[in-house]
């Protein structure tokens, strides 16, 4: 099971979606214009990354165990 976590301003983390398939979560955020940044290790978009006054949203996908 995978969880899509949104990292907002002030490092506030919110669980956004969960899926058994990582690819479905990747597709969801790619549709929003995000891509994986090797430098940051997270999914970012150019509109908000490193821009003062931008939303600052980033995403990462974490694998978890399900019961």
Protein backbone atom coordinates (compact mmCIF):
# COMPACT_ATOMS: atom_id res chain seq x y z
CA UNK A 1 0.00 0.00 0.00
CA UNK A 2 1.23 3.49 -0.84
CA UNK A 3 0.24 6.90 0.54
CA UNK A 4 0.54 10.19 -1.32
CA UNK A 5 1.67 12.85 1.14
CA UNK A 6 1.36 16.55 0.42
CA UNK A 7 4.03 18.75 2.02
CA UNK A 8 2.80 22.31 2.28
CA UNK A 9 4.23 25.48 3.69
CA UNK A 10 5.88 25.21 7.10
CA UNK A 11 6.42 21.49 6.43
CA UNK A 12 2.76 20.65 7.13
CA UNK A 13 2.16 17.12 5.89
CA UNK A 14 -1.24 15.87 4.80
CA UNK A 15 -2.14 12.37 3.64
CA UNK A 16 -3.95 12.96 0.39
CA UNK A 17 -4.58 9.57 -1.24
CA UNK A 18 -3.80 5.89 -0.77
CA UNK A 19 -3.48 3.13 -3.36
CA UNK A 20 -2.20 -0.40 -3.75
CA UNK A 21 -0.42 0.73 -6.92
CA UNK A 22 2.29 3.40 -6.76
CA UNK A 23 1.82 4.10 -10.46
CA UNK A 24 -1.75 5.32 -9.89
CA UNK A 25 -0.55 7.90 -7.38
CA UNK A 26 2.25 8.99 -9.72
CA UNK A 27 -0.25 9.42 -12.54
CA UNK A 28 -2.52 11.50 -10.29
CA UNK A 29 0.19 14.02 -9.42
CA UNK A 30 1.64 14.09 -12.94
CA UNK A 31 -1.78 15.26 -14.14
CA UNK A 32 -1.39 18.20 -11.72
CA UNK A 33 1.95 19.11 -13.34
CA UNK A 34 4.31 17.58 -10.77
CA UNK A 35 7.41 15.55 -11.61
CA UNK A 36 10.01 13.68 -9.56
CA UNK A 37 13.08 15.73 -8.65
CA UNK A 38 16.16 13.60 -7.95
CA UNK A 39 17.79 16.59 -6.25
CA UNK A 40 14.94 17.00 -3.73
CA UNK A 41 13.78 13.39 -3.64
CA UNK A 42 10.18 14.57 -3.97
CA UNK A 43 7.61 15.41 -6.60
CA UNK A 44 7.66 19.13 -7.38
CA UNK A 45 6.38 21.51 -10.02
CA UNK A 46 8.18 24.48 -11.51
CA UNK A 47 5.42 26.92 -10.65
CA UNK A 48 5.91 26.60 -6.89
CA UNK A 49 9.40 25.20 -6.37
CA UNK A 50 11.82 27.73 -4.90
CA UNK A 51 9.63 30.73 -5.67
CA UNK A 52 9.06 33.22 -2.86
CA UNK A 53 5.33 33.60 -2.33
CA UNK A 54 4.51 30.37 -4.18
CA UNK A 55 2.35 27.70 -2.64
CA UNK A 56 5.39 25.58 -1.86
CA UNK A 57 3.51 22.31 -2.29
CA UNK A 58 5.53 19.17 -2.83
CA UNK A 59 4.58 15.50 -2.72
CA UNK A 60 6.18 12.23 -1.84
CA UNK A 61 4.93 8.67 -1.91
CA UNK A 62 5.56 6.43 1.07
CA UNK A 63 5.16 2.67 1.17
CA UNK A 64 3.31 1.31 4.20
CA UNK A 65 2.27 -2.08 5.47
CA UNK A 66 -1.43 -2.85 5.41
CA UNK A 67 -3.31 -5.12 7.79
